Amino acid sequence: MPKPYPKEFRADVIAVARKGEATVRQVAIDFGISETCLQRWLKIADHEDGINHSNRQAGSSEHDESAELREARKRIKLLEQEAEVMRRAVGYLSQNVNPK
């Protein structure tokens, strides 16, 4: 069994992870621990501190999902604009096809 990390080290890592400035994965890499280990530490710390995980704002998966959602909305908006341009082009070009 590996030697446990010092409590001060764990507290520092948890504090950085809770700031939400980087993903859990990146924090784990920066401190040289596994992502699974950090997730376990966060879960234990949340339980000890009485934090309900469902109310936690700085979760990495929530952050990743919100970033992914923003990107998807940007992409949808761009595609809708492109579709509108194509509809207008078809309307404009079809006016000259059937002269009356």
N, C-alpha and C. Protein backbone atom coordinates (compact mmCIF):
# COMPACT_ATOMS: atom_id res chain seq x y z
N MET A 1 0.85 -1.18 0.00
CA MET A 1 0.00 0.00 0.00
C MET A 1 0.90 1.24 0.00
N PRO A 2 0.58 2.22 -0.88
CA PRO A 2 1.42 3.41 -0.95
C PRO A 2 1.29 4.26 0.31
N LYS A 3 2.34 5.00 0.57
CA LYS A 3 2.35 5.89 1.74
C LYS A 3 1.36 7.03 1.51
N PRO A 4 0.52 7.34 2.50
CA PRO A 4 -0.47 8.41 2.31
C PRO A 4 0.21 9.78 2.21
N TYR A 5 -0.45 10.67 1.48
CA TYR A 5 0.05 12.03 1.34
C TYR A 5 -0.20 12.80 2.64
N PRO A 6 0.65 13.79 2.93
CA PRO A 6 0.44 14.60 4.14
C PRO A 6 -0.88 15.35 4.06
N LYS A 7 -1.49 15.58 5.22
CA LYS A 7 -2.77 16.28 5.28
C LYS A 7 -2.68 17.68 4.68
N GLU A 8 -1.56 18.36 4.89
CA GLU A 8 -1.39 19.71 4.36
C GLU A 8 -1.40 19.70 2.83
N PHE A 9 -0.74 18.68 2.26
CA PHE A 9 -0.72 18.54 0.80
C PHE A 9 -2.13 18.32 0.27
N ARG A 10 -2.87 17.40 0.91
CA ARG A 10 -4.23 17.12 0.48
C ARG A 10 -5.10 18.38 0.57
N ALA A 11 -4.94 19.13 1.67
CA ALA A 11 -5.73 20.35 1.85
C ALA A 11 -5.42 21.37 0.76
N ASP A 12 -4.15 21.51 0.40
CA ASP A 12 -3.77 22.45 -0.66
C ASP A 12 -4.36 22.04 -2.00
N VAL A 13 -4.27 20.75 -2.31
CA VAL A 13 -4.79 20.25 -3.58
C VAL A 13 -6.31 20.45 -3.65
N ILE A 14 -6.99 20.15 -2.57
CA ILE A 14 -8.45 20.31 -2.52
C ILE A 14 -8.83 21.78 -2.68
N ALA A 15 -8.09 22.67 -2.03
CA ALA A 15 -8.38 24.10 -2.13
C ALA A 15 -8.23 24.59 -3.57
N VAL A 16 -7.18 24.15 -4.24
CA VAL A 16 -6.97 24.56 -5.64
C VAL A 16 -8.08 23.99 -6.52
N ALA A 17 -8.44 22.74 -6.31
CA ALA A 17 -9.49 22.11 -7.12
C ALA A 17 -10.83 22.80 -6.92
N ARG A 18 -11.12 23.22 -5.70
CA ARG A 18 -12.41 23.86 -5.41
C ARG A 18 -12.51 25.26 -6.00
N LYS A 19 -11.38 25.90 -6.28
CA LYS A 19 -11.44 27.23 -6.88
C LYS A 19 -12.13 27.19 -8.23
N GLY A 20 -12.00 26.08 -8.93
CA GLY A 20 -12.67 25.92 -10.21
C GLY A 20 -11.98 26.61 -11.36
N GLU A 21 -10.75 27.05 -11.16
CA GLU A 21 -10.01 27.73 -12.23
C GLU A 21 -9.45 26.75 -13.25
N ALA A 22 -9.35 25.49 -12.87
CA ALA A 22 -8.86 24.45 -13.77
C ALA A 22 -9.70 23.20 -13.53
N THR A 23 -9.67 22.30 -14.48
CA THR A 23 -10.43 21.06 -14.34
C THR A 23 -9.77 20.18 -13.29
N VAL A 24 -10.54 19.24 -12.77
CA VAL A 24 -10.01 18.29 -11.80
C VAL A 24 -8.83 17.55 -12.41
N ARG A 25 -8.96 17.20 -13.65
CA ARG A 25 -7.87 16.48 -14.33
C ARG A 25 -6.60 17.30 -14.36
N GLN A 26 -6.71 18.57 -14.71
CA GLN A 26 -5.53 19.43 -14.79
C GLN A 26 -4.90 19.64 -13.42
N VAL A 27 -5.72 19.82 -12.38
CA VAL A 27 -5.19 19.98 -11.02
C VAL A 27 -4.44 18.72 -10.62
N ALA A 28 -5.02 17.56 -10.90
CA ALA A 28 -4.36 16.30 -10.56
C ALA A 28 -3.02 16.17 -11.26
N ILE A 29 -2.98 16.52 -12.54
CA ILE A 29 -1.73 16.45 -13.29
C ILE A 29 -0.70 17.41 -12.70
N ASP A 30 -1.14 18.63 -12.39
CA ASP A 30 -0.24 19.64 -11.84
C ASP A 30 0.39 19.20 -10.52
N PHE A 31 -0.37 18.47 -9.70
CA PHE A 31 0.13 18.04 -8.39
C PHE A 31 0.72 16.63 -8.42
N GLY A 32 0.68 15.97 -9.57
CA GLY A 32 1.30 14.65 -9.69
C GLY A 32 0.53 13.54 -9.02
N ILE A 33 -0.79 13.64 -8.99
CA ILE A 33 -1.62 12.58 -8.44
C ILE A 33 -2.62 12.14 -9.51
N SER A 34 -3.29 11.03 -9.26
CA SER A 34 -4.26 10.57 -10.25
C SER A 34 -5.57 11.36 -10.11
N GLU A 35 -6.28 11.44 -11.21
CA GLU A 35 -7.57 12.15 -11.21
C GLU A 35 -8.56 11.46 -10.27
N THR A 36 -8.54 10.13 -10.27
CA THR A 36 -9.43 9.36 -9.41
C THR A 36 -9.14 9.65 -7.93
N CYS A 37 -7.87 9.75 -7.60
CA CYS A 37 -7.48 10.06 -6.23
C CYS A 37 -8.02 11.43 -5.82
N LEU A 38 -7.85 12.42 -6.69
CA LEU A 38 -8.33 13.77 -6.38
C LEU A 38 -9.85 13.79 -6.25
N GLN A 39 -10.55 13.08 -7.13
CA GLN A 39 -12.00 13.02 -7.03
C GLN A 39 -12.43 12.41 -5.70
N ARG A 40 -11.72 11.37 -5.25
CA ARG A 40 -12.02 10.75 -3.97
C ARG A 40 -11.76 11.73 -2.83
N TRP A 41 -10.65 12.44 -2.89
CA TRP A 41 -10.34 13.44 -1.86
C TRP A 41 -11.43 14.51 -1.80
N LEU A 42 -11.87 14.96 -2.97
CA LEU A 42 -12.92 15.99 -3.00
C LEU A 42 -14.22 15.46 -2.40
N LYS A 43 -14.55 14.23 -2.72
CA LYS A 43 -15.78 13.64 -2.20
C LYS A 43 -15.71 13.52 -0.67
N ILE A 44 -14.57 13.07 -0.17
CA ILE A 44 -14.39 12.96 1.28
C ILE A 44 -14.44 14.34 1.94
N ALA A 45 -13.76 15.32 1.35
CA ALA A 45 -13.74 16.67 1.90
C ALA A 45 -15.14 17.28 1.88
N ASP A 46 -15.89 17.05 0.80
CA ASP A 46 -17.26 17.56 0.73
C ASP A 46 -18.11 16.96 1.85
N HIS A 47 -17.94 15.66 2.07
CA HIS A 47 -18.70 15.00 3.13
C HIS A 47 -18.31 15.55 4.49
N GLU A 48 -17.01 15.72 4.72
CA GLU A 48 -16.54 16.25 6.00
C GLU A 48 -16.99 17.69 6.23
N ASP A 49 -17.06 18.47 5.16
CA ASP A 49 -17.45 19.88 5.26
C ASP A 49 -18.95 20.09 5.17
N GLY A 50 -19.70 19.00 4.94
CA GLY A 50 -21.14 19.10 4.85
C GLY A 50 -21.64 19.72 3.55
N ILE A 51 -20.83 19.61 2.50
CA ILE A 51 -21.21 20.15 1.20
C ILE A 51 -21.96 19.06 0.43
N ASN A 52 -23.15 19.42 -0.03
CA ASN A 52 -23.94 18.51 -0.86
C ASN A 52 -23.39 18.57 -2.27
N HIS A 53 -22.92 17.44 -2.78
CA HIS A 53 -22.28 17.42 -4.10
C HIS A 53 -23.19 17.94 -5.20
N SER A 54 -24.49 17.70 -5.10
CA SER A 54 -25.40 18.15 -6.16
C SER A 54 -25.49 19.66 -6.21
N ASN A 55 -25.15 20.34 -5.12
CA ASN A 55 -25.19 21.80 -5.09
C ASN A 55 -23.84 22.43 -5.38
N ARG A 56 -22.81 21.62 -5.53
CA ARG A 56 -21.47 22.15 -5.77
C ARG A 56 -21.39 22.82 -7.11
N GLN A 57 -20.87 24.02 -7.15
CA GLN A 57 -20.81 24.79 -8.38
C GLN A 57 -19.54 24.53 -9.17
N ALA A 58 -18.47 24.08 -8.55
CA ALA A 58 -17.17 24.01 -9.20
C ALA A 58 -16.82 22.61 -9.69
N GLY A 59 -17.81 21.74 -9.87
CA GLY A 59 -17.53 20.40 -10.35
C GLY A 59 -16.95 20.42 -11.75
N SER A 60 -15.96 19.58 -11.99
CA SER A 60 -15.31 19.60 -13.30
C SER A 60 -16.25 19.14 -14.40
N SER A 61 -17.06 18.12 -14.12
CA SER A 61 -17.96 17.64 -15.16
C SER A 61 -19.00 18.70 -15.48
N GLU A 62 -19.47 19.43 -14.46
CA GLU A 62 -20.43 20.50 -14.70
C GLU A 62 -19.78 21.60 -15.53
N HIS A 63 -18.53 21.91 -15.20
CA HIS A 63 -17.80 22.95 -15.94
C HIS A 63 -17.60 22.52 -17.39
N ASP A 64 -17.19 21.25 -17.58
CA ASP A 64 -16.98 20.73 -18.92
C ASP A 64 -18.28 20.74 -19.72
N GLU A 65 -19.37 20.35 -19.07
CA GLU A 65 -20.66 20.31 -19.75
C GLU A 65 -21.14 21.70 -20.13
N SER A 66 -20.92 22.68 -19.25
CA SER A 66 -21.36 24.04 -19.57
C SER A 66 -20.53 24.62 -20.70
N ALA A 67 -19.23 24.33 -20.74
CA ALA A 67 -18.38 24.79 -21.84
C ALA A 67 -18.81 24.12 -23.14
N GLU A 68 -19.10 22.84 -23.07
CA GLU A 68 -19.56 22.10 -24.24
C GLU A 68 -20.90 22.64 -24.72
N LEU A 69 -21.78 22.98 -23.80
CA LEU A 69 -23.08 23.53 -24.15
C LEU A 69 -22.93 24.88 -24.83
N ARG A 70 -22.03 25.74 -24.31
CA ARG A 70 -21.79 27.04 -24.94
C ARG A 70 -21.29 26.87 -26.37
N GLU A 71 -20.35 25.94 -26.57
CA GLU A 71 -19.83 25.68 -27.91
C GLU A 71 -20.93 25.16 -28.83
N ALA A 72 -21.78 24.29 -28.32
CA ALA A 72 -22.87 23.75 -29.13
C ALA A 72 -23.85 24.86 -29.53
N ARG A 73 -24.14 25.77 -28.61
CA ARG A 73 -25.05 26.87 -28.93
C ARG A 73 -24.46 27.80 -29.97
N LYS A 74 -23.15 28.06 -29.89
CA LYS A 74 -22.48 28.88 -30.90
C LYS A 74 -22.59 28.22 -32.27
N ARG A 75 -22.35 26.90 -32.28
CA ARG A 75 -22.40 26.15 -33.54
C ARG A 75 -23.82 26.16 -34.12
N ILE A 76 -24.82 25.99 -33.28
CA ILE A 76 -26.21 26.01 -33.73
C ILE A 76 -26.54 27.37 -34.32
N LYS A 77 -26.13 28.44 -33.66
CA LYS A 77 -26.41 29.79 -34.14
C LYS A 77 -25.76 30.01 -35.51
N LEU A 78 -24.51 29.57 -35.65
CA LEU A 78 -23.81 29.71 -36.93
C LEU A 78 -24.54 28.93 -38.03
N LEU A 79 -24.96 27.71 -37.73
CA LEU A 79 -25.66 26.89 -38.73
C LEU A 79 -27.01 27.51 -39.11
N GLU A 80 -27.70 28.08 -38.13
CA GLU A 80 -28.97 28.75 -38.44
C GLU A 80 -28.75 29.95 -39.34
N GLN A 81 -27.68 30.70 -39.10
CA GLN A 81 -27.37 31.85 -39.95
C GLN A 81 -27.03 31.40 -41.37
N GLU A 82 -26.25 30.32 -41.48
CA GLU A 82 -25.91 29.80 -42.80
C GLU A 82 -27.15 29.32 -43.54
N ALA A 83 -28.07 28.66 -42.83
CA ALA A 83 -29.30 28.19 -43.45
C ALA A 83 -30.14 29.37 -43.93
N GLU A 84 -30.20 30.45 -43.17
CA GLU A 84 -30.95 31.64 -43.57
C GLU A 84 -30.35 32.26 -44.83
N VAL A 85 -29.04 32.33 -44.90
CA VAL A 85 -28.37 32.87 -46.09
C VAL A 85 -28.72 32.01 -47.30
N MET A 86 -28.70 30.71 -47.14
CA MET A 86 -29.03 29.81 -48.25
C MET A 86 -30.49 29.97 -48.68
N ARG A 87 -31.41 30.12 -47.72
CA ARG A 87 -32.82 30.33 -48.08
C ARG A 87 -32.99 31.62 -48.88
N ARG A 88 -32.32 32.66 -48.46
CA ARG A 88 -32.41 33.93 -49.17
C ARG A 88 -31.80 33.84 -50.56
N ALA A 89 -30.68 33.12 -50.68
CA ALA A 89 -30.03 32.96 -51.98
C ALA A 89 -30.94 32.19 -52.93
N VAL A 90 -31.57 31.13 -52.44
CA VAL A 90 -32.48 30.34 -53.28
C VAL A 90 -33.65 31.21 -53.72
N GLY A 91 -34.19 32.00 -52.82
CA GLY A 91 -35.30 32.88 -53.17
C GLY A 91 -34.89 33.91 -54.22
N TYR A 92 -33.72 34.49 -54.07
CA TYR A 92 -33.23 35.49 -55.01
C TYR A 92 -32.96 34.87 -56.37
N LEU A 93 -32.30 33.73 -56.40
CA LEU A 93 -31.95 33.10 -57.67
C LEU A 93 -33.18 32.51 -58.38
N SER A 94 -34.17 32.08 -57.62
CA SER A 94 -35.36 31.50 -58.25
C SER A 94 -36.24 32.57 -58.90
N GLN A 95 -36.07 33.83 -58.54
CA GLN A 95 -36.83 34.91 -59.16
C GLN A 95 -36.48 35.05 -60.64
N ASN A 96 -35.24 34.84 -60.97
CA ASN A 96 -34.76 35.03 -62.35
C ASN A 96 -34.94 33.77 -63.21
N VAL A 97 -35.27 32.65 -62.64
CA VAL A 97 -35.41 31.40 -63.38
C VAL A 97 -36.72 31.35 -64.14
N ASN A 98 -37.80 31.80 -63.55
CA ASN A 98 -39.13 31.73 -64.17
C ASN A 98 -39.62 33.14 -64.52
N PRO A 99 -39.13 33.72 -65.62
CA PRO A 99 -39.62 35.06 -65.96
C PRO A 99 -41.09 35.00 -66.41
N LYS A 100 -41.86 36.01 -66.09
CA LYS A 100 -43.28 36.02 -66.44
C LYS A 100 -43.55 36.92 -67.60
